[in-house]
Protein backbone atom coordinates (compact mmCIF):
# COMPACT_ATOMS: atom_id res chain seq x y z
CA MET A 1 0.00 0.00 0.00
CA LEU A 2 1.17 3.52 -0.74
CA GLU A 3 0.96 4.65 2.90
CA ASN A 4 3.51 2.00 3.84
CA ASN A 5 6.06 3.82 1.70
CA TYR A 6 5.05 7.45 2.16
CA PRO A 7 4.52 8.66 5.75
CA ILE A 8 2.67 11.75 4.52
CA LEU A 9 -0.23 9.45 3.56
CA GLU A 10 -0.57 7.89 7.02
CA PHE A 11 -3.56 10.00 8.02
CA ASP A 12 -4.88 9.42 11.55
CA ALA A 13 -8.41 10.72 12.19
CA GLU A 14 -7.94 10.62 15.98
CA PRO A 15 -9.32 14.03 17.10
CA ILE A 16 -7.07 14.49 20.14
CA ALA A 17 -3.31 14.88 19.68
CA VAL A 18 -0.53 14.65 22.25
CA ILE A 19 -0.07 18.43 22.02
CA GLU A 20 -3.68 19.63 21.83
CA PRO A 21 -4.31 23.39 21.29
CA LYS A 22 -7.33 23.51 23.61
CA ARG A 23 -5.19 22.20 26.47
CA ILE A 24 -2.77 25.09 25.98
CA TYR A 25 -5.02 27.94 24.83
CA ALA A 26 -8.19 27.82 26.88
CA ALA A 27 -11.31 29.48 25.49
CA ARG A 28 -11.45 33.16 26.40
CA ASP A 29 -13.31 36.36 25.58
CA VAL A 30 -12.37 36.82 21.93
CA PRO A 31 -14.39 37.88 18.89
CA LYS A 32 -15.91 35.07 16.84
CA HIS A 33 -14.74 36.81 13.66
CA ALA A 34 -11.05 37.02 12.73
CA VAL A 35 -9.06 38.30 9.75
CA VAL A 36 -5.86 36.43 9.01
CA CYS A 37 -3.67 39.18 7.54
CA PHE A 38 -0.32 38.62 5.82
CA PHE A 39 0.40 42.35 5.48
CA GLN A 40 2.58 43.51 8.36
CA GLU A 41 2.34 47.17 7.36
CA VAL A 42 -1.47 46.96 7.61
CA LEU A 43 -1.19 45.48 11.09
CA THR A 44 1.18 48.27 12.11
CA ALA A 45 -1.31 50.85 10.84
CA LEU A 46 -4.10 49.20 12.82
CA ASN A 47 -2.01 49.49 15.94
CA ASP A 48 -1.04 53.10 15.27
CA ASP A 49 -4.19 54.54 13.68
CA HIS A 50 -7.19 52.40 14.56
CA GLY A 51 -6.86 51.82 18.28
CA ALA A 52 -6.05 48.13 18.03
CA THR A 53 -5.56 46.37 21.33
CA ILE A 54 -3.67 43.12 21.91
CA LEU A 55 -5.96 40.30 23.02
CA HIS A 56 -3.22 37.74 23.40
CA THR A 57 0.31 37.09 22.18
CA LEU A 58 1.08 33.74 20.57
CA ARG A 59 4.72 32.73 20.40
CA SER A 60 7.07 30.75 18.21
CA GLU A 61 10.85 30.59 17.88
CA ILE A 62 10.77 33.59 15.52
CA GLY A 63 9.18 35.72 18.23
CA PRO A 64 5.77 37.05 19.33
CA HIS A 65 2.62 36.85 17.20
CA PRO A 66 0.08 39.34 18.61
CA VAL A 67 -3.64 38.74 18.18
CA TYR A 68 -5.25 42.16 17.89
CA GLU A 69 -8.80 43.35 18.35
CA ILE A 70 -10.40 46.30 16.57
CA GLU A 71 -13.94 47.58 16.31
CA PHE A 72 -15.25 47.67 12.75
CA GLN A 73 -18.81 48.37 11.62
CA GLY A 74 -19.86 48.32 15.25
CA GLN A 75 -18.57 44.79 15.83
CA ARG A 76 -15.57 43.17 17.43
CA LEU A 77 -12.96 41.77 15.05
CA ALA A 78 -9.76 39.85 15.80
CA VAL A 79 -6.76 40.26 13.48
CA PHE A 80 -3.47 38.36 13.41
CA HIS A 81 -0.51 37.58 11.17
CA PRO A 82 -0.15 33.81 10.61
CA GLY A 83 3.52 33.79 9.71
CA VAL A 84 4.62 32.42 6.34
CA GLY A 85 4.31 28.83 5.14
CA ALA A 86 1.75 26.14 5.86
CA PRO A 87 3.19 24.61 9.08
CA LEU A 88 3.37 27.83 11.10
CA ALA A 89 0.22 29.34 9.59
CA ALA A 90 -1.82 26.22 10.35
CA ALA A 91 -0.49 26.02 13.92
CA LEU A 92 -1.31 29.65 14.68
CA LEU A 93 -4.76 29.26 13.15
CA ASP A 94 -5.33 26.17 15.30
CA GLU A 95 -4.34 28.14 18.41
CA VAL A 96 -6.69 31.03 17.60
CA ILE A 97 -9.51 28.53 17.02
CA ALA A 98 -8.77 27.05 20.45
CA MET A 99 -9.12 30.53 21.93
CA GLY A 100 -12.64 30.80 20.51
CA CYS A 101 -12.59 32.39 17.03
CA THR A 102 -14.74 30.46 14.53
CA LYS A 103 -15.19 32.61 11.42
CA PHE A 104 -12.10 33.49 9.35
CA ILE A 105 -11.20 35.37 6.20
CA ALA A 106 -7.54 35.55 5.18
CA CYS A 107 -6.00 38.20 2.95
CA GLY A 108 -2.65 37.88 1.23
CA GLY A 109 -0.72 37.95 -2.02
CA CYS A 110 0.12 35.19 -4.47
CA GLY A 111 2.14 34.41 -7.55
CA VAL A 112 0.20 34.22 -10.80
CA LEU A 113 0.58 31.40 -13.32
CA ASP A 114 -0.95 33.53 -16.09
CA SER A 115 1.02 36.66 -16.99
CA ALA A 116 -2.20 38.31 -18.21
CA ILE A 117 -3.47 38.63 -14.62
CA ALA A 118 -2.70 42.20 -13.64
CA MET A 119 -0.79 43.20 -10.55
CA GLY A 120 -3.28 43.71 -7.75
CA HIS A 121 -6.17 41.86 -9.39
CA VAL A 122 -8.32 40.18 -6.73
CA LEU A 123 -8.52 36.39 -6.71
CA VAL A 124 -10.90 34.26 -4.63
CA PRO A 125 -9.77 30.63 -4.16
CA HIS A 126 -12.61 28.12 -4.19
CA THR A 127 -10.24 25.15 -4.04
CA ALA A 128 -6.53 24.54 -3.48
CA VAL A 129 -4.21 21.82 -4.78
CA ARG A 130 -2.50 20.24 -1.76
CA ASP A 131 1.19 20.37 -2.66
CA GLU A 132 2.23 21.02 0.94
CA GLY A 133 2.58 18.66 3.88
CA THR A 134 0.55 20.14 6.72
CA SER A 135 -2.95 19.50 5.38
CA TYR A 136 -2.31 15.74 5.26
CA HIS A 137 -2.26 15.65 9.06
CA TYR A 138 -5.72 17.27 9.31
CA ILE A 139 -7.80 15.57 6.62
CA ALA A 140 -7.46 12.39 4.57
CA PRO A 141 -5.30 12.50 1.42
CA SER A 142 -6.91 14.05 -1.66
CA ARG A 143 -5.65 16.15 -4.51
CA GLU A 144 -7.64 19.25 -3.59
CA VAL A 145 -9.40 20.83 -0.64
CA ALA A 146 -12.14 23.45 -0.75
CA ALA A 147 -12.66 26.69 1.12
CA SER A 148 -15.84 27.00 3.20
CA ALA A 149 -18.76 27.66 0.85
CA SER A 150 -20.26 30.18 3.27
CA ALA A 151 -16.99 32.12 3.44
CA VAL A 152 -16.58 32.17 -0.35
CA ALA A 153 -20.16 33.45 -0.68
CA ALA A 154 -19.53 36.21 1.88
CA ILE A 155 -16.35 37.28 0.07
CA GLU A 156 -17.97 37.36 -3.36
CA GLN A 157 -21.02 39.25 -2.11
CA THR A 158 -18.74 41.84 -0.51
CA LEU A 159 -16.71 42.25 -3.69
CA LEU A 160 -19.86 42.63 -5.79
CA LYS A 161 -21.22 45.19 -3.34
CA HIS A 162 -18.11 47.33 -3.80
CA GLY A 163 -17.87 46.80 -7.56
CA THR A 164 -14.51 45.03 -7.23
CA ASP A 165 -13.54 42.83 -10.16
CA TYR A 166 -12.31 39.41 -9.13
CA LEU A 167 -11.56 35.94 -10.43
CA PRO A 168 -12.84 32.76 -8.71
CA VAL A 169 -9.83 30.45 -8.87
CA LYS A 170 -8.15 27.19 -8.04
CA THR A 171 -4.84 27.88 -6.29
CA TRP A 172 -1.69 25.79 -5.99
CA THR A 173 -0.34 25.59 -2.45
CA THR A 174 3.30 24.54 -2.21
CA ASP A 175 5.92 24.43 0.53
CA ALA A 176 8.89 25.04 -1.75
CA LEU A 177 8.95 28.43 -3.46
CA TYR A 178 12.38 27.66 -4.94
CA ARG A 179 11.09 24.46 -6.59
CA GLU A 180 8.34 25.96 -8.71
CA THR A 181 9.90 24.61 -11.89
CA PRO A 182 8.59 25.43 -15.38
CA ALA A 183 7.32 21.86 -15.76
CA LYS A 184 5.41 22.03 -12.46
CA VAL A 185 3.95 25.41 -13.36
CA ARG A 186 2.69 23.98 -16.67
CA ARG A 187 1.26 20.93 -14.90
CA ARG A 188 -0.61 23.02 -12.36
CA ARG A 189 -1.85 25.41 -15.03
CA ASP A 190 -3.10 22.45 -17.08
CA GLU A 191 -5.20 21.24 -14.14
CA GLY A 192 -6.78 24.67 -13.75
CA CYS A 193 -4.61 26.48 -11.20
CA VAL A 194 -4.38 30.24 -11.70
CA CYS A 195 -2.09 31.20 -8.83
CA VAL A 196 0.40 29.83 -6.31
CA GLU A 197 0.93 30.49 -2.60
CA MET A 198 2.07 28.62 0.52
CA GLU A 199 -0.85 28.33 2.95
CA ALA A 200 -4.37 28.05 1.47
CA SER A 201 -4.77 24.26 1.36
CA ALA A 202 -3.50 23.97 4.93
CA PHE A 203 -5.89 26.69 6.11
CA PHE A 204 -8.84 24.97 4.41
CA ALA A 205 -7.90 21.59 5.90
CA VAL A 206 -7.57 22.95 9.45
CA ALA A 207 -10.94 24.67 9.07
CA GLN A 208 -12.60 21.44 7.96
CA PHE A 209 -11.02 19.47 10.80
CA ARG A 210 -11.98 22.02 13.44
CA HIS A 211 -15.44 22.72 11.96
CA VAL A 212 -14.96 26.45 11.48
CA GLU A 213 -15.58 28.72 8.49
CA PHE A 214 -12.60 29.86 6.41
CA GLY A 215 -12.20 31.74 3.13
CA GLN A 216 -9.38 33.67 1.51
CA LEU A 217 -8.80 36.77 -0.59
CA LEU A 218 -5.61 37.07 -2.64
CA TYR A 219 -4.21 39.67 -4.98
CA GLY A 220 -2.14 38.91 -8.04
CA GLY A 221 1.50 39.53 -7.23
CA ASP A 222 4.68 38.22 -8.82
CA ASP A 223 4.56 36.37 -12.15
CA VAL A 224 5.81 32.78 -12.20
CA GLY A 225 4.07 31.92 -15.45
CA GLY A 226 7.09 32.43 -17.68
CA GLU A 227 10.51 30.80 -17.92
CA VAL A 228 11.97 33.65 -15.83
CA TRP A 229 10.44 34.97 -12.61
CA ASP A 230 9.09 38.53 -12.67
CA ASN A 231 8.81 40.07 -9.19
CA ARG A 232 6.68 42.96 -10.53
CA GLY A 233 7.37 44.81 -7.27
CA TRP A 234 4.39 42.99 -5.78
CA GLN A 235 5.21 43.62 -2.12
CA ASN A 236 5.16 47.38 -2.65
CA HIS A 237 1.52 47.48 -3.77
CA GLY A 238 0.39 49.15 -0.56
CA THR A 239 -2.96 50.49 -1.72
CA ALA A 240 -4.14 47.08 -2.94
CA ARG A 241 -3.01 45.41 0.27
CA GLU A 242 -4.84 47.85 2.55
CA LYS A 243 -8.00 47.68 0.40
CA LEU A 244 -7.91 43.89 0.48
CA PHE A 245 -7.70 43.90 4.26
CA TRP A 246 -10.82 46.04 4.69
CA LEU A 247 -12.70 43.93 2.15
CA ALA A 248 -11.68 40.86 4.12
CA ALA A 249 -12.85 42.49 7.35
CA GLU A 250 -16.26 43.31 5.90
CA ALA A 251 -16.66 39.83 4.41
CA CYS A 252 -15.67 38.23 7.71
CA LEU A 253 -18.28 40.15 9.67
CA ALA A 254 -20.89 39.07 7.10
CA LEU A 255 -20.36 35.42 8.09
C-alpha cells in the first residue's frame, strides 16, 4: 500500500493529539470573527491609527505573534498575522480557534501562473491543490481541498457590493517556493490552477477538521508563469493590500 512507503499518507483521524491546542489555549473572551492578515504594514497601521488592542500574544521561535482586536462596523474583530508557510500558519490558526474564534477570512498575495493577470487583481480561491505537507495531518489524502462555501459566498457578495472585479480560482499551495519549476507550473496550469501560494490548502484543511468557516482573498503579485520569474514589485503594492484587508474584514463580519 502507498501509505507504507510514504509517511505523509498515514492519516490518523484521531481528534485528540498529544499536544492539543485547547489544552494550551483555553477558550477566552475573543471575537468570533477574525481576519488572518499577511500584510505587516497593515497590522502596524491598525495598531497606530485604529486603536487596536492586543488580546493575546502567541509565540514561536521567531518571536511574538500578537492577536489584535479592533472595532469595525460596530462589531468586534480579531486580526493576526499567521507567519509564512503552511506549518506555522496552520499552527497559529489552530491556536486562535482554540481561543474561541470560529469565522475566518484571510488576505494575502500570491504568484500568478498567467502573466495576463494584472498586478493587484483580486482572486478568490474556491479550491486549493494540496502540494504542501501540513494538510495531510488534518484531513485524509486528496488532490484538492475546498474553502468553506459560506466564506466564499460572503467574500464574493462583498466584492460585488463594492464593484470590485475578481476571479474565482483554483490555487496551488506549495511548501517550496524555490522548486516551482517550469514543468510544475505547466502541470498546475493544465489542471486549472491560476495562482500559487504557501498556505491556502493547509488553512482549508484545518478549518474542515476544526469545523470552522474559512475563506481567503488574494491579490495577483509576482509572475511565475514564464521561464523567468518577474517580481513585478508585488510587495510594494500598498494600496491594494490595505484595500484587500478592509474587504476581508467586511466579508468576515458578514459570516
